[in-house]
Amino acid sequence: MKQLFFVAVGVVIGFAAAHRIAHTPGGARLFADVDARTKAFTDAVADGYRSREAELRNDA
């Protein structure tokens, strides 16, 4: 139970820090870059999934 408390406190501190960092010009650029890279990665995974699904449908 003690570990769960510390995890929760860490998450709250992390969100608070991210919120304050996002309000700085450098922080906004950092989060925009992270967002763009995450979107590119998820788009690539989705494209790969659709491609593989199409391959499996054609083989059946």
PDB file of N, CA and C in Angstrom:
ATOM      1  N   MET A   1       0.826  -1.182   0.000  1.00  0.00           N
ATOM      2  CA  MET A   1       0.000   0.000   0.000  1.00  0.00           C
ATOM      3  C   MET A   1       0.881   1.262   0.000  1.00  0.00           C
ATOM      4  N   LYS A   2       1.976   1.172   0.705  1.00  0.00           N
ATOM      5  CA  LYS A   2       2.903   2.292   0.779  1.00  0.00           C
ATOM      6  C   LYS A   2       3.493   2.590  -0.601  1.00  0.00           C
ATOM      7  N   GLN A   3       3.789   1.536  -1.373  1.00  0.00           N
ATOM      8  CA  GLN A   3       4.349   1.718  -2.708  1.00  0.00           C
ATOM      9  C   GLN A   3       3.335   2.389  -3.638  1.00  0.00           C
ATOM     10  N   LEU A   4       2.092   2.000  -3.522  1.00  0.00           N
ATOM     11  CA  LEU A   4       1.046   2.609  -4.343  1.00  0.00           C
ATOM     12  C   LEU A   4       0.929   4.102  -4.045  1.00  0.00           C
ATOM     13  N   PHE A   5       1.044   4.460  -2.776  1.00  0.00           N
ATOM     14  CA  PHE A   5       1.012   5.868  -2.380  1.00  0.00           C
ATOM     15  C   PHE A   5       2.146   6.634  -3.044  1.00  0.00           C
ATOM     16  N   PHE A   6       3.348   6.082  -3.019  1.00  0.00           N
ATOM     17  CA  PHE A   6       4.497   6.767  -3.609  1.00  0.00           C
ATOM     18  C   PHE A   6       4.371   6.859  -5.130  1.00  0.00           C
ATOM     19  N   VAL A   7       3.809   5.848  -5.759  1.00  0.00           N
ATOM     20  CA  VAL A   7       3.574   5.915  -7.205  1.00  0.00           C
ATOM     21  C   VAL A   7       2.584   7.033  -7.511  1.00  0.00           C
ATOM     22  N   ALA A   8       1.506   7.107  -6.749  1.00  0.00           N
ATOM     23  CA  ALA A   8       0.501   8.150  -6.957  1.00  0.00           C
ATOM     24  C   ALA A   8       1.102   9.540  -6.745  1.00  0.00           C
ATOM     25  N   VAL A   9       1.907   9.704  -5.712  1.00  0.00           N
ATOM     26  CA  VAL A   9       2.559  10.991  -5.464  1.00  0.00           C
ATOM     27  C   VAL A   9       3.499  11.332  -6.622  1.00  0.00           C
ATOM     28  N   GLY A  10       4.218  10.357  -7.131  1.00  0.00           N
ATOM     29  CA  GLY A  10       5.124  10.580  -8.265  1.00  0.00           C
ATOM     30  C   GLY A  10       4.376  10.996  -9.519  1.00  0.00           C
ATOM     31  N   VAL A  11       3.228  10.379  -9.752  1.00  0.00           N
ATOM     32  CA  VAL A  11       2.424  10.742 -10.921  1.00  0.00           C
ATOM     33  C   VAL A  11       1.925  12.174 -10.796  1.00  0.00           C
ATOM     34  N   VAL A  12       1.448  12.537  -9.626  1.00  0.00           N
ATOM     35  CA  VAL A  12       0.952  13.908  -9.404  1.00  0.00           C
ATOM     36  C   VAL A  12       2.081  14.915  -9.591  1.00  0.00           C
ATOM     37  N   ILE A  13       3.240  14.641  -9.042  1.00  0.00           N
ATOM     38  CA  ILE A  13       4.387  15.550  -9.197  1.00  0.00           C
ATOM     39  C   ILE A  13       4.791  15.642 -10.670  1.00  0.00           C
ATOM     40  N   GLY A  14       4.768  14.512 -11.369  1.00  0.00           N
ATOM     41  CA  GLY A  14       5.106  14.508 -12.796  1.00  0.00           C
ATOM     42  C   GLY A  14       4.151  15.348 -13.619  1.00  0.00           C
ATOM     43  N   PHE A  15       2.855  15.204 -13.350  1.00  0.00           N
ATOM     44  CA  PHE A  15       1.874  16.023 -14.072  1.00  0.00           C
ATOM     45  C   PHE A  15       2.047  17.501 -13.764  1.00  0.00           C
ATOM     46  N   ALA A  16       2.297  17.829 -12.510  1.00  0.00           N
ATOM     47  CA  ALA A  16       2.492  19.227 -12.134  1.00  0.00           C
ATOM     48  C   ALA A  16       3.731  19.800 -12.817  1.00  0.00           C
ATOM     49  N   ALA A  17       4.804  19.042 -12.842  1.00  0.00           N
ATOM     50  CA  ALA A  17       6.036  19.506 -13.488  1.00  0.00           C
ATOM     51  C   ALA A  17       5.820  19.677 -14.993  1.00  0.00           C
ATOM     52  N   ALA A  18       5.154  18.711 -15.626  1.00  0.00           N
ATOM     53  CA  ALA A  18       4.901  18.798 -17.064  1.00  0.00           C
ATOM     54  C   ALA A  18       4.029  20.005 -17.388  1.00  0.00           C
ATOM     55  N   HIS A  19       3.067  20.276 -16.542  1.00  0.00           N
ATOM     56  CA  HIS A  19       2.184  21.432 -16.765  1.00  0.00           C
ATOM     57  C   HIS A  19       2.978  22.731 -16.709  1.00  0.00           C
ATOM     58  N   ARG A  20       3.859  22.853 -15.740  1.00  0.00           N
ATOM     59  CA  ARG A  20       4.658  24.080 -15.617  1.00  0.00           C
ATOM     60  C   ARG A  20       5.675  24.192 -16.759  1.00  0.00           C
ATOM     61  N   ILE A  21       6.261  23.082 -17.158  1.00  0.00           N
ATOM     62  CA  ILE A  21       7.242  23.087 -18.248  1.00  0.00           C
ATOM     63  C   ILE A  21       6.569  23.436 -19.571  1.00  0.00           C
ATOM     64  N   ALA A  22       5.337  22.964 -19.764  1.00  0.00           N
ATOM     65  CA  ALA A  22       4.623  23.214 -21.020  1.00  0.00           C
ATOM     66  C   ALA A  22       4.331  24.695 -21.230  1.00  0.00           C
ATOM     67  N   HIS A  23       4.339  25.474 -20.178  1.00  0.00           N
ATOM     68  CA  HIS A  23       4.052  26.896 -20.304  1.00  0.00           C
ATOM     69  C   HIS A  23       5.284  27.724 -20.671  1.00  0.00           C
ATOM     70  N   THR A  24       6.444  27.102 -20.782  1.00  0.00           N
ATOM     71  CA  THR A  24       7.647  27.808 -21.222  1.00  0.00           C
ATOM     72  C   THR A  24       7.805  27.596 -22.724  1.00  0.00           C
ATOM     73  N   PRO A  25       8.462  28.514 -23.428  1.00  0.00           N
ATOM     74  CA  PRO A  25       8.632  28.330 -24.881  1.00  0.00           C
ATOM     75  C   PRO A  25       9.386  27.036 -25.232  1.00  0.00           C
ATOM     76  N   GLY A  26      10.428  26.754 -24.499  1.00  0.00           N
ATOM     77  CA  GLY A  26      11.186  25.526 -24.766  1.00  0.00           C
ATOM     78  C   GLY A  26      10.379  24.283 -24.452  1.00  0.00           C
ATOM     79  N   GLY A  27       9.622  24.347 -23.390  1.00  0.00           N
ATOM     80  CA  GLY A  27       8.786  23.213 -23.015  1.00  0.00           C
ATOM     81  C   GLY A  27       7.694  22.959 -24.026  1.00  0.00           C
ATOM     82  N   ALA A  28       7.118  24.041 -24.550  1.00  0.00           N
ATOM     83  CA  ALA A  28       6.077  23.897 -25.579  1.00  0.00           C
ATOM     84  C   ALA A  28       6.662  23.237 -26.830  1.00  0.00           C
ATOM     85  N   ARG A  29       7.873  23.640 -27.216  1.00  0.00           N
ATOM     86  CA  ARG A  29       8.529  23.010 -28.366  1.00  0.00           C
ATOM     87  C   ARG A  29       8.813  21.543 -28.084  1.00  0.00           C
ATOM     88  N   LEU A  30       9.276  21.254 -26.874  1.00  0.00           N
ATOM     89  CA  LEU A  30       9.567  19.864 -26.504  1.00  0.00           C
ATOM     90  C   LEU A  30       8.314  19.001 -26.615  1.00  0.00           C
ATOM     91  N   PHE A  31       7.217  19.467 -26.040  1.00  0.00           N
ATOM     92  CA  PHE A  31       5.993  18.677 -26.078  1.00  0.00           C
ATOM     93  C   PHE A  31       5.427  18.581 -27.487  1.00  0.00           C
ATOM     94  N   ALA A  32       5.595  19.620 -28.300  1.00  0.00           N
ATOM     95  CA  ALA A  32       5.153  19.560 -29.692  1.00  0.00           C
ATOM     96  C   ALA A  32       5.964  18.520 -30.459  1.00  0.00           C
ATOM     97  N   ASP A  33       7.271  18.473 -30.196  1.00  0.00           N
ATOM     98  CA  ASP A  33       8.144  17.484 -30.840  1.00  0.00           C
ATOM     99  C   ASP A  33       7.779  16.069 -30.399  1.00  0.00           C
ATOM    100  N   VAL A  34       7.560  15.888 -29.110  1.00  0.00           N
ATOM    101  CA  VAL A  34       7.164  14.565 -28.600  1.00  0.00           C
ATOM    102  C   VAL A  34       5.836  14.147 -29.210  1.00  0.00           C
ATOM    103  N   ASP A  35       4.908  15.085 -29.310  1.00  0.00           N
ATOM    104  CA  ASP A  35       3.605  14.792 -29.892  1.00  0.00           C
ATOM    105  C   ASP A  35       3.733  14.387 -31.354  1.00  0.00           C
ATOM    106  N   ALA A  36       4.566  15.104 -32.111  1.00  0.00           N
ATOM    107  CA  ALA A  36       4.756  14.787 -33.528  1.00  0.00           C
ATOM    108  C   ALA A  36       5.394  13.413 -33.708  1.00  0.00           C
ATOM    109  N   ARG A  37       6.387  13.116 -32.885  1.00  0.00           N
ATOM    110  CA  ARG A  37       7.046  11.810 -32.993  1.00  0.00           C
ATOM    111  C   ARG A  37       6.109  10.677 -32.592  1.00  0.00           C
ATOM    112  N   THR A  38       5.303  10.912 -31.565  1.00  0.00           N
ATOM    113  CA  THR A  38       4.347   9.895 -31.142  1.00  0.00           C
ATOM    114  C   THR A  38       3.314   9.653 -32.225  1.00  0.00           C
ATOM    115  N   LYS A  39       2.831  10.728 -32.854  1.00  0.00           N
ATOM    116  CA  LYS A  39       1.850  10.584 -33.936  1.00  0.00           C
ATOM    117  C   LYS A  39       2.453   9.835 -35.107  1.00  0.00           C
ATOM    118  N   ALA A  40       3.690  10.143 -35.467  1.00  0.00           N
ATOM    119  CA  ALA A  40       4.353   9.449 -36.571  1.00  0.00           C
ATOM    120  C   ALA A  40       4.499   7.966 -36.254  1.00  0.00           C
ATOM    121  N   PHE A  41       4.874   7.645 -35.029  1.00  0.00           N
ATOM    122  CA  PHE A  41       5.034   6.247 -34.632  1.00  0.00           C
ATOM    123  C   PHE A  41       3.702   5.506 -34.674  1.00  0.00           C
ATOM    124  N   THR A  42       2.660   6.100 -34.103  1.00  0.00           N
ATOM    125  CA  THR A  42       1.361   5.419 -34.084  1.00  0.00           C
ATOM    126  C   THR A  42       0.795   5.283 -35.497  1.00  0.00           C
ATOM    127  N   ASP A  43       1.039   6.272 -36.350  1.00  0.00           N
ATOM    128  CA  ASP A  43       0.604   6.156 -37.747  1.00  0.00           C
ATOM    129  C   ASP A  43       1.333   5.022 -38.456  1.00  0.00           C
ATOM    130  N   ALA A  44       2.626   4.880 -38.199  1.00  0.00           N
ATOM    131  CA  ALA A  44       3.405   3.798 -38.812  1.00  0.00           C
ATOM    132  C   ALA A  44       2.920   2.435 -38.321  1.00  0.00           C
ATOM    133  N   VAL A  45       2.620   2.327 -37.047  1.00  0.00           N
ATOM    134  CA  VAL A  45       2.111   1.062 -36.505  1.00  0.00           C
ATOM    135  C   VAL A  45       0.757   0.736 -37.126  1.00  0.00           C
ATOM    136  N   ALA A  46      -0.113   1.723 -37.229  1.00  0.00           N
ATOM    137  CA  ALA A  46      -1.440   1.502 -37.820  1.00  0.00           C
ATOM    138  C   ALA A  46      -1.321   1.108 -39.292  1.00  0.00           C
ATOM    139  N   ASP A  47      -0.417   1.760 -40.033  1.00  0.00           N
ATOM    140  CA  ASP A  47      -0.221   1.402 -41.438  1.00  0.00           C
ATOM    141  C   ASP A  47       0.303  -0.023 -41.571  1.00  0.00           C
ATOM    142  N   GLY A  48       1.241  -0.384 -40.725  1.00  0.00           N
ATOM    143  CA  GLY A  48       1.769  -1.746 -40.735  1.00  0.00           C
ATOM    144  C   GLY A  48       0.698  -2.767 -40.401  1.00  0.00           C
ATOM    145  N   TYR A  49      -0.150  -2.444 -39.450  1.00  0.00           N
ATOM    146  CA  TYR A  49      -1.244  -3.343 -39.073  1.00  0.00           C
ATOM    147  C   TYR A  49      -2.204  -3.535 -40.249  1.00  0.00           C
ATOM    148  N   ARG A  50      -2.586  -2.426 -40.882  1.00  0.00           N
ATOM    149  CA  ARG A  50      -3.514  -2.527 -42.012  1.00  0.00           C
ATOM    150  C   ARG A  50      -2.886  -3.290 -43.174  1.00  0.00           C
ATOM    151  N   SER A  51      -1.597  -3.068 -43.415  1.00  0.00           N
ATOM    152  CA  SER A  51      -0.898  -3.768 -44.485  1.00  0.00           C
ATOM    153  C   SER A  51      -0.855  -5.267 -44.221  1.00  0.00           C
ATOM    154  N   ARG A  52      -0.517  -5.627 -43.001  1.00  0.00           N
ATOM    155  CA  ARG A  52      -0.443  -7.049 -42.655  1.00  0.00           C
ATOM    156  C   ARG A  52      -1.824  -7.687 -42.691  1.00  0.00           C
ATOM    157  N   GLU A  53      -2.837  -6.967 -42.256  1.00  0.00           N
ATOM    158  CA  GLU A  53      -4.199  -7.485 -42.292  1.00  0.00           C
ATOM    159  C   GLU A  53      -4.630  -7.734 -43.741  1.00  0.00           C
ATOM    160  N   ALA A  54      -4.264  -6.817 -44.645  1.00  0.00           N
ATOM    161  CA  ALA A  54      -4.584  -7.006 -46.062  1.00  0.00           C
ATOM    162  C   ALA A  54      -3.861  -8.223 -46.622  1.00  0.00           C
ATOM    163  N   GLU A  55      -2.608  -8.423 -46.244  1.00  0.00           N
ATOM    164  CA  GLU A  55      -1.872  -9.600 -46.698  1.00  0.00           C
ATOM    165  C   GLU A  55      -2.545 -10.881 -46.240  1.00  0.00           C
ATOM    166  N   LEU A  56      -2.968 -10.903 -45.000  1.00  0.00           N
ATOM    167  CA  LEU A  56      -3.607 -12.114 -44.463  1.00  0.00           C
ATOM    168  C   LEU A  56      -4.951 -12.366 -45.129  1.00  0.00           C
ATOM    169  N   ARG A  57      -5.685 -11.332 -45.453  1.00  0.00           N
ATOM    170  CA  ARG A  57      -6.964 -11.509 -46.150  1.00  0.00           C
ATOM    171  C   ARG A  57      -6.764 -12.047 -47.549  1.00  0.00           C
ATOM    172  N   ASN A  58      -5.704 -11.601 -48.232  1.00  0.00           N
ATOM    173  CA  ASN A  58      -5.440 -12.065 -49.588  1.00  0.00           C
ATOM    174  C   ASN A  58      -4.976 -13.505 -49.615  1.00  0.00           C
ATOM    175  N   ASP A  59      -4.322 -13.965 -48.554  1.00  0.00           N
ATOM    176  CA  ASP A  59      -3.836 -15.352 -48.484  1.00  0.00           C
ATOM    177  C   ASP A  59      -4.955 -16.328 -48.186  1.00  0.00           C
ATOM    178  N   ALA A  60      -6.031 -15.862 -47.562  1.00  0.00           N
ATOM    179  CA  ALA A  60      -7.093 -16.763 -47.133  1.00  0.00           C
ATOM    180  C   ALA A  60      -8.013 -17.159 -48.246  1.00  0.00           C
TER     181      ALA A  60
END
